[in-house]
Amino acid sequence: MLAQGEDIIALVGSRTASQIKDTIQALNVKLTKEDLGRIDRIMPKEEATSSYMLDVDIDSKGLFHAKQ
């Protein structure tokens, strides 16, 4: 997620201190352009959706609002 751009936010659902520590380790992962290309071929960004996420808009202050 972190390699997708500054307009992408990785939401993390950690419930324990151990999970938070594991999640922080993602900052140490460095993917090459080849790695990212392979991931995109397997799961193109356009198809990477989640049925449990709300459809939202983000306002100029960065706040989320459910789409009407």
N, C-alpha and C. Protein backbone atom coordinates (compact mmCIF):
# COMPACT_ATOMS: atom_id res chain seq x y z
N MET A 1 0.81 -1.18 0.00
CA MET A 1 0.00 0.00 0.00
C MET A 1 0.86 1.25 0.00
N LEU A 2 1.92 1.23 0.76
CA LEU A 2 2.74 2.43 0.91
C LEU A 2 3.39 2.84 -0.41
N ALA A 3 3.56 1.92 -1.33
CA ALA A 3 4.21 2.21 -2.61
C ALA A 3 3.23 2.77 -3.64
N GLN A 4 1.95 2.86 -3.31
CA GLN A 4 0.95 3.25 -4.30
C GLN A 4 0.83 4.76 -4.48
N GLY A 5 1.43 5.56 -3.63
CA GLY A 5 1.38 7.00 -3.78
C GLY A 5 0.97 7.69 -2.50
N GLU A 6 1.17 9.00 -2.48
CA GLU A 6 0.87 9.77 -1.28
C GLU A 6 -0.63 9.97 -1.07
N ASP A 7 -1.44 9.68 -2.08
CA ASP A 7 -2.88 9.85 -1.95
C ASP A 7 -3.57 8.56 -1.50
N ILE A 8 -2.78 7.55 -1.17
CA ILE A 8 -3.32 6.27 -0.72
C ILE A 8 -3.03 6.11 0.76
N ILE A 9 -4.03 5.67 1.50
CA ILE A 9 -3.88 5.49 2.95
C ILE A 9 -4.07 4.02 3.28
N ALA A 10 -3.11 3.47 3.99
CA ALA A 10 -3.25 2.09 4.45
C ALA A 10 -3.94 2.11 5.80
N LEU A 11 -5.12 1.52 5.86
CA LEU A 11 -5.85 1.43 7.13
C LEU A 11 -5.51 0.11 7.78
N VAL A 12 -5.12 0.17 9.03
CA VAL A 12 -4.64 -1.01 9.73
C VAL A 12 -5.59 -1.33 10.88
N GLY A 13 -5.95 -2.58 11.02
CA GLY A 13 -6.86 -2.99 12.09
C GLY A 13 -6.16 -3.77 13.18
N SER A 14 -5.08 -3.24 13.69
CA SER A 14 -4.35 -3.94 14.75
C SER A 14 -5.15 -3.92 16.04
N ARG A 15 -5.13 -5.06 16.73
CA ARG A 15 -5.86 -5.16 18.00
C ARG A 15 -4.93 -5.40 19.19
N THR A 16 -3.70 -5.74 18.91
CA THR A 16 -2.76 -6.02 20.00
C THR A 16 -1.46 -5.27 19.74
N ALA A 17 -0.68 -5.10 20.79
CA ALA A 17 0.62 -4.45 20.65
C ALA A 17 1.51 -5.22 19.68
N SER A 18 1.44 -6.54 19.72
CA SER A 18 2.23 -7.38 18.83
C SER A 18 1.86 -7.12 17.36
N GLN A 19 0.57 -6.99 17.08
CA GLN A 19 0.12 -6.71 15.71
C GLN A 19 0.59 -5.34 15.25
N ILE A 20 0.57 -4.36 16.14
CA ILE A 20 1.05 -3.02 15.79
C ILE A 20 2.54 -3.08 15.46
N LYS A 21 3.31 -3.80 16.25
CA LYS A 21 4.75 -3.94 15.98
C LYS A 21 4.98 -4.59 14.62
N ASP A 22 4.21 -5.63 14.31
CA ASP A 22 4.33 -6.30 13.01
C ASP A 22 3.98 -5.34 11.87
N THR A 23 2.94 -4.56 12.06
CA THR A 23 2.50 -3.61 11.03
C THR A 23 3.57 -2.56 10.77
N ILE A 24 4.19 -2.06 11.81
CA ILE A 24 5.23 -1.03 11.67
C ILE A 24 6.40 -1.55 10.85
N GLN A 25 6.63 -2.86 10.91
CA GLN A 25 7.73 -3.45 10.14
C GLN A 25 7.54 -3.28 8.64
N ALA A 26 6.31 -3.01 8.20
CA ALA A 26 6.07 -2.78 6.77
C ALA A 26 6.87 -1.58 6.26
N LEU A 27 7.22 -0.66 7.13
CA LEU A 27 8.02 0.49 6.73
C LEU A 27 9.42 0.08 6.27
N ASN A 28 9.86 -1.10 6.67
CA ASN A 28 11.19 -1.60 6.30
C ASN A 28 11.19 -2.40 5.00
N VAL A 29 10.03 -2.67 4.43
CA VAL A 29 9.94 -3.44 3.19
C VAL A 29 10.17 -2.52 2.01
N LYS A 30 11.08 -2.87 1.16
CA LYS A 30 11.38 -2.09 -0.05
C LYS A 30 11.08 -2.95 -1.27
N LEU A 31 10.11 -2.53 -2.07
CA LEU A 31 9.74 -3.26 -3.27
C LEU A 31 10.36 -2.60 -4.50
N THR A 32 10.84 -3.41 -5.43
CA THR A 32 11.39 -2.88 -6.67
C THR A 32 10.25 -2.60 -7.65
N LYS A 33 10.56 -1.92 -8.74
CA LYS A 33 9.56 -1.69 -9.79
C LYS A 33 9.06 -3.02 -10.34
N GLU A 34 9.96 -4.01 -10.42
CA GLU A 34 9.57 -5.33 -10.89
C GLU A 34 8.58 -5.99 -9.92
N ASP A 35 8.85 -5.86 -8.61
CA ASP A 35 7.93 -6.40 -7.60
C ASP A 35 6.55 -5.78 -7.76
N LEU A 36 6.51 -4.45 -7.87
CA LEU A 36 5.24 -3.74 -7.97
C LEU A 36 4.51 -4.11 -9.26
N GLY A 37 5.24 -4.29 -10.35
CA GLY A 37 4.64 -4.71 -11.61
C GLY A 37 4.02 -6.08 -11.51
N ARG A 38 4.72 -6.99 -10.85
CA ARG A 38 4.19 -8.35 -10.68
C ARG A 38 2.93 -8.34 -9.82
N ILE A 39 2.95 -7.56 -8.75
CA ILE A 39 1.76 -7.45 -7.90
C ILE A 39 0.60 -6.88 -8.71
N ASP A 40 0.85 -5.86 -9.51
CA ASP A 40 -0.21 -5.24 -10.31
C ASP A 40 -0.77 -6.20 -11.35
N ARG A 41 0.07 -7.07 -11.88
CA ARG A 41 -0.43 -8.07 -12.84
C ARG A 41 -1.32 -9.09 -12.15
N ILE A 42 -0.97 -9.45 -10.93
CA ILE A 42 -1.76 -10.41 -10.17
C ILE A 42 -3.08 -9.78 -9.70
N MET A 43 -3.00 -8.55 -9.19
CA MET A 43 -4.19 -7.85 -8.67
C MET A 43 -4.12 -6.39 -9.11
N PRO A 44 -4.66 -6.10 -10.29
CA PRO A 44 -4.65 -4.71 -10.76
C PRO A 44 -5.36 -3.78 -9.76
N LYS A 45 -4.84 -2.56 -9.64
CA LYS A 45 -5.40 -1.60 -8.68
C LYS A 45 -6.90 -1.41 -8.88
N GLU A 46 -7.33 -1.41 -10.13
CA GLU A 46 -8.74 -1.18 -10.43
C GLU A 46 -9.64 -2.27 -9.85
N GLU A 47 -9.08 -3.44 -9.62
CA GLU A 47 -9.86 -4.56 -9.10
C GLU A 47 -9.69 -4.76 -7.60
N ALA A 48 -8.80 -3.99 -7.00
CA ALA A 48 -8.51 -4.15 -5.57
C ALA A 48 -9.54 -3.37 -4.76
N THR A 49 -10.65 -4.02 -4.50
CA THR A 49 -11.72 -3.38 -3.73
C THR A 49 -12.08 -4.27 -2.55
N SER A 50 -12.84 -3.70 -1.68
CA SER A 50 -13.28 -4.44 -0.51
C SER A 50 -14.76 -4.23 -0.32
N SER A 51 -15.47 -5.29 -0.09
CA SER A 51 -16.91 -5.19 0.10
C SER A 51 -17.28 -4.67 1.48
N TYR A 52 -16.34 -4.62 2.41
CA TYR A 52 -16.67 -4.17 3.75
C TYR A 52 -16.32 -2.71 4.00
N MET A 53 -15.78 -2.03 3.00
CA MET A 53 -15.45 -0.61 3.16
C MET A 53 -16.60 0.25 2.66
N LEU A 54 -16.89 1.32 3.38
CA LEU A 54 -17.92 2.25 2.97
C LEU A 54 -17.47 3.04 1.75
N ASP A 55 -18.42 3.44 0.92
CA ASP A 55 -18.16 4.31 -0.21
C ASP A 55 -18.14 5.74 0.34
N VAL A 56 -16.98 6.39 0.34
CA VAL A 56 -16.85 7.69 1.00
C VAL A 56 -16.23 8.74 0.08
N ASP A 57 -16.47 9.98 0.44
CA ASP A 57 -15.79 11.13 -0.15
C ASP A 57 -14.88 11.69 0.93
N ILE A 58 -13.81 12.35 0.52
CA ILE A 58 -12.91 13.00 1.47
C ILE A 58 -12.98 14.50 1.19
N ASP A 59 -13.29 15.29 2.23
CA ASP A 59 -13.42 16.73 2.02
C ASP A 59 -12.05 17.41 2.04
N SER A 60 -12.03 18.74 1.88
CA SER A 60 -10.78 19.49 1.79
C SER A 60 -9.96 19.45 3.06
N LYS A 61 -10.57 19.08 4.19
CA LYS A 61 -9.86 18.95 5.45
C LYS A 61 -9.37 17.52 5.68
N GLY A 62 -9.65 16.63 4.74
CA GLY A 62 -9.22 15.24 4.87
C GLY A 62 -10.18 14.38 5.68
N LEU A 63 -11.40 14.89 5.90
CA LEU A 63 -12.39 14.12 6.66
C LEU A 63 -13.24 13.27 5.73
N PHE A 64 -13.60 12.09 6.19
CA PHE A 64 -14.40 11.16 5.41
C PHE A 64 -15.88 11.44 5.60
N HIS A 65 -16.64 11.34 4.50
CA HIS A 65 -18.09 11.50 4.54
C HIS A 65 -18.68 10.40 3.67
N ALA A 66 -19.70 9.71 4.20
CA ALA A 66 -20.37 8.67 3.42
C ALA A 66 -21.04 9.30 2.21
N LYS A 67 -20.89 8.65 1.05
CA LYS A 67 -21.56 9.15 -0.15
C LYS A 67 -23.05 8.92 -0.02
N GLN A 68 -23.81 9.85 -0.53
CA GLN A 68 -25.27 9.77 -0.46
C GLN A 68 -25.81 8.93 -1.58
